[in-house]
Amino acid sequence: MKHEETVTKVMDALESIRPFLNKDGGDIELIDVQGQTVLVKLHGNCNGCPMSFSTMKLGVETTVKQFAPEILEVLAIE
């Protein structure tokens, strides 16, 4: 699979969950796709929120894996 295809699928996944993050005053930005790992940055209320780890693992990572099964991990960077 081409890197660009994976990036496109990851972007589509993030777009699908962005409205839920926006509703809570947050947002998410794709930083990079490195192999089977996606790096994102949380913005607004999501950044530093105690629930952000759960949001990342249960919401973001699960959704990204549905769109792009080749992805193994989604990490939030500061």
PDB file of N, CA and C in Angstrom:
ATOM      1  N   MET A   1       0.843  -1.194   0.000  1.00  0.00           N
ATOM      2  CA  MET A   1       0.000   0.000   0.000  1.00  0.00           C
ATOM      3  C   MET A   1       0.879   1.245   0.000  1.00  0.00           C
ATOM      4  N   LYS A   2       0.499   2.223  -0.779  1.00  0.00           N
ATOM      5  CA  LYS A   2       1.257   3.454  -0.868  1.00  0.00           C
ATOM      6  C   LYS A   2       1.041   4.329   0.360  1.00  0.00           C
ATOM      7  N   HIS A   3       2.098   5.030   0.742  1.00  0.00           N
ATOM      8  CA  HIS A   3       2.058   5.941   1.886  1.00  0.00           C
ATOM      9  C   HIS A   3       0.939   6.978   1.715  1.00  0.00           C
ATOM     10  N   GLU A   4       0.804   7.518   0.494  1.00  0.00           N
ATOM     11  CA  GLU A   4      -0.207   8.563   0.253  1.00  0.00           C
ATOM     12  C   GLU A   4      -1.624   8.033   0.499  1.00  0.00           C
ATOM     13  N   GLU A   5      -1.851   6.771   0.113  1.00  0.00           N
ATOM     14  CA  GLU A   5      -3.179   6.178   0.330  1.00  0.00           C
ATOM     15  C   GLU A   5      -3.482   6.072   1.818  1.00  0.00           C
ATOM     16  N   THR A   6      -2.480   5.664   2.594  1.00  0.00           N
ATOM     17  CA  THR A   6      -2.664   5.552   4.041  1.00  0.00           C
ATOM     18  C   THR A   6      -2.946   6.921   4.645  1.00  0.00           C
ATOM     19  N   VAL A   7      -2.183   7.918   4.226  1.00  0.00           N
ATOM     20  CA  VAL A   7      -2.383   9.282   4.737  1.00  0.00           C
ATOM     21  C   VAL A   7      -3.800   9.758   4.426  1.00  0.00           C
ATOM     22  N   THR A   8      -4.273   9.503   3.212  1.00  0.00           N
ATOM     23  CA  THR A   8      -5.627   9.903   2.831  1.00  0.00           C
ATOM     24  C   THR A   8      -6.669   9.221   3.713  1.00  0.00           C
ATOM     25  N   LYS A   9      -6.495   7.943   3.971  1.00  0.00           N
ATOM     26  CA  LYS A   9      -7.451   7.216   4.817  1.00  0.00           C
ATOM     27  C   LYS A   9      -7.428   7.747   6.252  1.00  0.00           C
ATOM     28  N   VAL A  10      -6.233   8.073   6.742  1.00  0.00           N
ATOM     29  CA  VAL A  10      -6.116   8.625   8.093  1.00  0.00           C
ATOM     30  C   VAL A  10      -6.805   9.993   8.158  1.00  0.00           C
ATOM     31  N   MET A  11      -6.597  10.824   7.132  1.00  0.00           N
ATOM     32  CA  MET A  11      -7.255  12.139   7.086  1.00  0.00           C
ATOM     33  C   MET A  11      -8.775  11.986   7.088  1.00  0.00           C
ATOM     34  N   ASP A  12      -9.281  11.023   6.313  1.00  0.00           N
ATOM     35  CA  ASP A  12     -10.720  10.774   6.281  1.00  0.00           C
ATOM     36  C   ASP A  12     -11.225  10.360   7.666  1.00  0.00           C
ATOM     37  N   ALA A  13     -10.457   9.528   8.354  1.00  0.00           N
ATOM     38  CA  ALA A  13     -10.836   9.092   9.703  1.00  0.00           C
ATOM     39  C   ALA A  13     -10.897  10.279  10.651  1.00  0.00           C
ATOM     40  N   LEU A  14      -9.896  11.148  10.593  1.00  0.00           N
ATOM     41  CA  LEU A  14      -9.866  12.318  11.482  1.00  0.00           C
ATOM     42  C   LEU A  14     -11.023  13.263  11.170  1.00  0.00           C
ATOM     43  N   GLU A  15     -11.338  13.426   9.881  1.00  0.00           N
ATOM     44  CA  GLU A  15     -12.481  14.271   9.506  1.00  0.00           C
ATOM     45  C   GLU A  15     -13.786  13.713  10.082  1.00  0.00           C
ATOM     46  N   SER A  16     -13.887  12.382  10.147  1.00  0.00           N
ATOM     47  CA  SER A  16     -15.127  11.769  10.628  1.00  0.00           C
ATOM     48  C   SER A  16     -15.328  11.973  12.126  1.00  0.00           C
ATOM     49  N   ILE A  17     -14.234  12.153  12.873  1.00  0.00           N
ATOM     50  CA  ILE A  17     -14.382  12.346  14.333  1.00  0.00           C
ATOM     51  C   ILE A  17     -14.221  13.801  14.753  1.00  0.00           C
ATOM     52  N   ARG A  18     -13.770  14.644  13.832  1.00  0.00           N
ATOM     53  CA  ARG A  18     -13.559  16.062  14.167  1.00  0.00           C
ATOM     54  C   ARG A  18     -14.815  16.732  14.752  1.00  0.00           C
ATOM     55  N   PRO A  19     -16.024  16.479  14.207  1.00  0.00           N
ATOM     56  CA  PRO A  19     -17.214  17.142  14.778  1.00  0.00           C
ATOM     57  C   PRO A  19     -17.419  16.836  16.271  1.00  0.00           C
ATOM     58  N   PHE A  20     -17.075  15.626  16.703  1.00  0.00           N
ATOM     59  CA  PHE A  20     -17.231  15.268  18.118  1.00  0.00           C
ATOM     60  C   PHE A  20     -16.230  16.036  18.980  1.00  0.00           C
ATOM     61  N   LEU A  21     -15.012  16.195  18.470  1.00  0.00           N
ATOM     62  CA  LEU A  21     -14.004  16.958  19.196  1.00  0.00           C
ATOM     63  C   LEU A  21     -14.368  18.437  19.214  1.00  0.00           C
ATOM     64  N   ASN A  22     -14.844  18.959  18.078  1.00  0.00           N
ATOM     65  CA  ASN A  22     -15.234  20.373  17.994  1.00  0.00           C
ATOM     66  C   ASN A  22     -16.355  20.689  18.969  1.00  0.00           C
ATOM     67  N   LYS A  23     -17.265  19.727  19.138  1.00  0.00           N
ATOM     68  CA  LYS A  23     -18.403  19.928  20.034  1.00  0.00           C
ATOM     69  C   LYS A  23     -17.935  20.193  21.467  1.00  0.00           C
ATOM     70  N   ASP A  24     -16.805  19.589  21.835  1.00  0.00           N
ATOM     71  CA  ASP A  24     -16.248  19.785  23.176  1.00  0.00           C
ATOM     72  C   ASP A  24     -15.185  20.887  23.192  1.00  0.00           C
ATOM     73  N   GLY A  25     -15.098  21.664  22.119  1.00  0.00           N
ATOM     74  CA  GLY A  25     -14.151  22.775  22.069  1.00  0.00           C
ATOM     75  C   GLY A  25     -12.731  22.347  21.745  1.00  0.00           C
ATOM     76  N   GLY A  26     -12.590  21.173  21.126  1.00  0.00           N
ATOM     77  CA  GLY A  26     -11.255  20.687  20.781  1.00  0.00           C
ATOM     78  C   GLY A  26     -11.117  20.468  19.297  1.00  0.00           C
ATOM     79  N   ASP A  27      -9.939  20.017  18.909  1.00  0.00           N
ATOM     80  CA  ASP A  27      -9.687  19.685  17.512  1.00  0.00           C
ATOM     81  C   ASP A  27      -8.484  18.755  17.467  1.00  0.00           C
ATOM     82  N   ILE A  28      -8.216  18.218  16.285  1.00  0.00           N
ATOM     83  CA  ILE A  28      -7.106  17.294  16.098  1.00  0.00           C
ATOM     84  C   ILE A  28      -6.419  17.613  14.793  1.00  0.00           C
ATOM     85  N   GLU A  29      -5.099  17.456  14.788  1.00  0.00           N
ATOM     86  CA  GLU A  29      -4.297  17.759  13.594  1.00  0.00           C
ATOM     87  C   GLU A  29      -3.392  16.567  13.320  1.00  0.00           C
ATOM     88  N   LEU A  30      -3.336  16.154  12.071  1.00  0.00           N
ATOM     89  CA  LEU A  30      -2.418  15.089  11.670  1.00  0.00           C
ATOM     90  C   LEU A  30      -1.028  15.688  11.534  1.00  0.00           C
ATOM     91  N   ILE A  31      -0.070  15.124  12.266  1.00  0.00           N
ATOM     92  CA  ILE A  31       1.315  15.587  12.183  1.00  0.00           C
ATOM     93  C   ILE A  31       2.081  14.753  11.166  1.00  0.00           C
ATOM     94  N   ASP A  32       1.986  13.416  11.275  1.00  0.00           N
ATOM     95  CA  ASP A  32       2.746  12.565  10.370  1.00  0.00           C
ATOM     96  C   ASP A  32       2.222  11.140  10.429  1.00  0.00           C
ATOM     97  N   VAL A  33       2.487  10.392   9.384  1.00  0.00           N
ATOM     98  CA  VAL A  33       2.262   8.946   9.373  1.00  0.00           C
ATOM     99  C   VAL A  33       3.638   8.324   9.151  1.00  0.00           C
ATOM    100  N   GLN A  34       4.117   7.602  10.171  1.00  0.00           N
ATOM    101  CA  GLN A  34       5.444   6.986  10.105  1.00  0.00           C
ATOM    102  C   GLN A  34       5.258   5.477  10.162  1.00  0.00           C
ATOM    103  N   GLY A  35       5.345   4.847   9.018  1.00  0.00           N
ATOM    104  CA  GLY A  35       5.142   3.403   8.965  1.00  0.00           C
ATOM    105  C   GLY A  35       3.720   3.062   9.369  1.00  0.00           C
ATOM    106  N   GLN A  36       3.567   2.346  10.478  1.00  0.00           N
ATOM    107  CA  GLN A  36       2.250   1.933  10.959  1.00  0.00           C
ATOM    108  C   GLN A  36       1.796   2.755  12.161  1.00  0.00           C
ATOM    109  N   THR A  37       2.454   3.899  12.369  1.00  0.00           N
ATOM    110  CA  THR A  37       2.132   4.782  13.488  1.00  0.00           C
ATOM    111  C   THR A  37       1.679   6.142  12.964  1.00  0.00           C
ATOM    112  N   VAL A  38       0.602   6.645  13.558  1.00  0.00           N
ATOM    113  CA  VAL A  38       0.087   7.970  13.215  1.00  0.00           C
ATOM    114  C   VAL A  38       0.394   8.915  14.370  1.00  0.00           C
ATOM    115  N   LEU A  39       0.932  10.082  14.055  1.00  0.00           N
ATOM    116  CA  LEU A  39       1.199  11.107  15.060  1.00  0.00           C
ATOM    117  C   LEU A  39       0.195  12.239  14.867  1.00  0.00           C
ATOM    118  N   VAL A  40      -0.497  12.589  15.946  1.00  0.00           N
ATOM    119  CA  VAL A  40      -1.481  13.670  15.903  1.00  0.00           C
ATOM    120  C   VAL A  40      -1.215  14.645  17.032  1.00  0.00           C
ATOM    121  N   LYS A  41      -1.796  15.815  16.916  1.00  0.00           N
ATOM    122  CA  LYS A  41      -1.718  16.823  17.975  1.00  0.00           C
ATOM    123  C   LYS A  41      -3.142  17.233  18.326  1.00  0.00           C
ATOM    124  N   LEU A  42      -3.437  17.231  19.611  1.00  0.00           N
ATOM    125  CA  LEU A  42      -4.753  17.661  20.083  1.00  0.00           C
ATOM    126  C   LEU A  42      -4.702  19.154  20.368  1.00  0.00           C
ATOM    127  N   HIS A  43      -5.783  19.850  20.020  1.00  0.00           N
ATOM    128  CA  HIS A  43      -5.852  21.298  20.199  1.00  0.00           C
ATOM    129  C   HIS A  43      -7.059  21.668  21.054  1.00  0.00           C
ATOM    130  N   GLY A  44      -7.054  22.919  21.528  1.00  0.00           N
ATOM    131  CA  GLY A  44      -8.197  23.444  22.276  1.00  0.00           C
ATOM    132  C   GLY A  44      -8.388  22.692  23.579  1.00  0.00           C
ATOM    133  N   ASN A  45      -9.651  22.419  23.920  1.00  0.00           N
ATOM    134  CA  ASN A  45      -9.965  21.758  25.178  1.00  0.00           C
ATOM    135  C   ASN A  45      -9.430  20.336  25.242  1.00  0.00           C
ATOM    136  N   CYS A  46      -9.146  19.726  24.089  1.00  0.00           N
ATOM    137  CA  CYS A  46      -8.629  18.348  24.085  1.00  0.00           C
ATOM    138  C   CYS A  46      -7.198  18.286  24.597  1.00  0.00           C
ATOM    139  N   ASN A  47      -6.433  19.350  24.382  1.00  0.00           N
ATOM    140  CA  ASN A  47      -5.032  19.369  24.777  1.00  0.00           C
ATOM    141  C   ASN A  47      -4.933  19.458  26.297  1.00  0.00           C
ATOM    142  N   GLY A  48      -4.403  18.409  26.929  1.00  0.00           N
ATOM    143  CA  GLY A  48      -4.252  18.409  28.377  1.00  0.00           C
ATOM    144  C   GLY A  48      -5.485  17.955  29.130  1.00  0.00           C
ATOM    145  N   CYS A  49      -6.558  17.638  28.430  1.00  0.00           N
ATOM    146  CA  CYS A  49      -7.772  17.158  29.095  1.00  0.00           C
ATOM    147  C   CYS A  49      -7.490  15.786  29.704  1.00  0.00           C
ATOM    148  N   PRO A  50      -7.964  15.542  30.941  1.00  0.00           N
ATOM    149  CA  PRO A  50      -7.738  14.235  31.570  1.00  0.00           C
ATOM    150  C   PRO A  50      -8.337  13.085  30.761  1.00  0.00           C
ATOM    151  N   MET A  51      -9.349  13.343  29.963  1.00  0.00           N
ATOM    152  CA  MET A  51      -9.993  12.302  29.170  1.00  0.00           C
ATOM    153  C   MET A  51      -9.306  12.113  27.820  1.00  0.00           C
ATOM    154  N   SER A  52      -8.282  12.916  27.525  1.00  0.00           N
ATOM    155  CA  SER A  52      -7.691  12.862  26.186  1.00  0.00           C
ATOM    156  C   SER A  52      -7.061  11.507  25.888  1.00  0.00           C
ATOM    157  N   PHE A  53      -6.526  10.810  26.906  1.00  0.00           N
ATOM    158  CA  PHE A  53      -5.960   9.485  26.657  1.00  0.00           C
ATOM    159  C   PHE A  53      -7.055   8.530  26.202  1.00  0.00           C
ATOM    160  N   SER A  54      -8.199   8.557  26.889  1.00  0.00           N
ATOM    161  CA  SER A  54      -9.332   7.711  26.492  1.00  0.00           C
ATOM    162  C   SER A  54      -9.836   8.107  25.117  1.00  0.00           C
ATOM    163  N   THR A  55      -9.922   9.395  24.865  1.00  0.00           N
ATOM    164  CA  THR A  55     -10.358   9.877  23.559  1.00  0.00           C
ATOM    165  C   THR A  55      -9.429   9.344  22.481  1.00  0.00           C
ATOM    166  N   MET A  56      -8.130   9.400  22.740  1.00  0.00           N
ATOM    167  CA  MET A  56      -7.145   8.933  21.764  1.00  0.00           C
ATOM    168  C   MET A  56      -7.298   7.447  21.494  1.00  0.00           C
ATOM    169  N   LYS A  57      -7.311   6.635  22.566  1.00  0.00           N
ATOM    170  CA  LYS A  57      -7.303   5.184  22.390  1.00  0.00           C
ATOM    171  C   LYS A  57      -8.659   4.664  21.919  1.00  0.00           C
ATOM    172  N   LEU A  58      -9.733   5.124  22.543  1.00  0.00           N
ATOM    173  CA  LEU A  58     -11.057   4.572  22.255  1.00  0.00           C
ATOM    174  C   LEU A  58     -11.688   5.216  21.035  1.00  0.00           C
ATOM    175  N   GLY A  59     -11.479   6.509  20.869  1.00  0.00           N
ATOM    176  CA  GLY A  59     -12.112   7.207  19.763  1.00  0.00           C
ATOM    177  C   GLY A  59     -11.237   7.303  18.544  1.00  0.00           C
ATOM    178  N   VAL A  60     -10.141   8.026  18.674  1.00  0.00           N
ATOM    179  CA  VAL A  60      -9.292   8.327  17.526  1.00  0.00           C
ATOM    180  C   VAL A  60      -8.631   7.061  16.976  1.00  0.00           C
ATOM    181  N   GLU A  61      -7.952   6.305  17.835  1.00  0.00           N
ATOM    182  CA  GLU A  61      -7.220   5.136  17.346  1.00  0.00           C
ATOM    183  C   GLU A  61      -8.157   4.097  16.730  1.00  0.00           C
ATOM    184  N   THR A  62      -9.282   3.848  17.395  1.00  0.00           N
ATOM    185  CA  THR A  62     -10.249   2.879  16.873  1.00  0.00           C
ATOM    186  C   THR A  62     -10.762   3.304  15.509  1.00  0.00           C
ATOM    187  N   THR A  63     -11.106   4.583  15.371  1.00  0.00           N
ATOM    188  CA  THR A  63     -11.630   5.095  14.106  1.00  0.00           C
ATOM    189  C   THR A  63     -10.576   5.031  13.007  1.00  0.00           C
ATOM    190  N   VAL A  64      -9.355   5.444  13.332  1.00  0.00           N
ATOM    191  CA  VAL A  64      -8.282   5.410  12.339  1.00  0.00           C
ATOM    192  C   VAL A  64      -8.051   3.982  11.864  1.00  0.00           C
ATOM    193  N   LYS A  65      -8.066   3.020  12.779  1.00  0.00           N
ATOM    194  CA  LYS A  65      -7.844   1.618  12.399  1.00  0.00           C
ATOM    195  C   LYS A  65      -8.983   1.084  11.529  1.00  0.00           C
ATOM    196  N   GLN A  66     -10.189   1.596  11.732  1.00  0.00           N
ATOM    197  CA  GLN A  66     -11.312   1.188  10.880  1.00  0.00           C
ATOM    198  C   GLN A  66     -11.095   1.683   9.448  1.00  0.00           C
ATOM    199  N   PHE A  67     -10.622   2.910   9.317  1.00  0.00           N
ATOM    200  CA  PHE A  67     -10.395   3.496   7.995  1.00  0.00           C
ATOM    201  C   PHE A  67      -9.116   2.948   7.358  1.00  0.00           C
ATOM    202  N   ALA A  68      -8.092   2.728   8.194  1.00  0.00           N
ATOM    203  CA  ALA A  68      -6.771   2.304   7.708  1.00  0.00           C
ATOM    204  C   ALA A  68      -6.261   1.156   8.578  1.00  0.00           C
ATOM    205  N   PRO A  69      -6.685  -0.077   8.278  1.00  0.00           N
ATOM    206  CA  PRO A  69      -6.326  -1.232   9.110  1.00  0.00           C
ATOM    207  C   PRO A  69      -4.821  -1.470   9.220  1.00  0.00           C
ATOM    208  N   GLU A  70      -4.050  -0.900   8.299  1.00  0.00           N
ATOM    209  CA  GLU A  70      -2.599  -1.088   8.360  1.00  0.00           C
ATOM    210  C   GLU A  70      -1.950  -0.304   9.502  1.00  0.00           C
ATOM    211  N   ILE A  71      -2.691   0.640  10.079  1.00  0.00           N
ATOM    212  CA  ILE A  71      -2.179   1.431  11.200  1.00  0.00           C
ATOM    213  C   ILE A  71      -2.287   0.617  12.485  1.00  0.00           C
ATOM    214  N   LEU A  72      -1.201   0.599  13.255  1.00  0.00           N
ATOM    215  CA  LEU A  72      -1.180  -0.154  14.511  1.00  0.00           C
ATOM    216  C   LEU A  72      -1.346   0.736  15.730  1.00  0.00           C
ATOM    217  N   GLU A  73      -0.964   2.027  15.605  1.00  0.00           N
ATOM    218  CA  GLU A  73      -0.938   2.878  16.786  1.00  0.00           C
ATOM    219  C   GLU A  73      -1.156   4.332  16.397  1.00  0.00           C
ATOM    220  N   VAL A  74      -1.864   5.063  17.268  1.00  0.00           N
ATOM    221  CA  VAL A  74      -2.015   6.501  17.109  1.00  0.00           C
ATOM    222  C   VAL A  74      -1.478   7.153  18.376  1.00  0.00           C
ATOM    223  N   LEU A  75      -0.541   8.069  18.213  1.00  0.00           N
ATOM    224  CA  LEU A  75       0.090   8.729  19.344  1.00  0.00           C
ATOM    225  C   LEU A  75      -0.163  10.238  19.272  1.00  0.00           C
ATOM    226  N   ALA A  76      -0.463  10.818  20.427  1.00  0.00           N
ATOM    227  CA  ALA A  76      -0.600  12.280  20.513  1.00  0.00           C
ATOM    228  C   ALA A  76       0.727  12.854  20.952  1.00  0.00           C
ATOM    229  N   ILE A  77       1.189  13.876  20.251  1.00  0.00           N
ATOM    230  CA  ILE A  77       2.423  14.555  20.636  1.00  0.00           C
ATOM    231  C   ILE A  77       2.077  15.944  21.152  1.00  0.00           C
ATOM    232  N   GLU A  78       2.970  16.491  21.931  1.00  0.00           N
ATOM    233  CA  GLU A  78       2.735  17.828  22.504  1.00  0.00           C
ATOM    234  C   GLU A  78       3.133  18.898  21.514  1.00  0.00           C
TER     235      GLU A  78
END
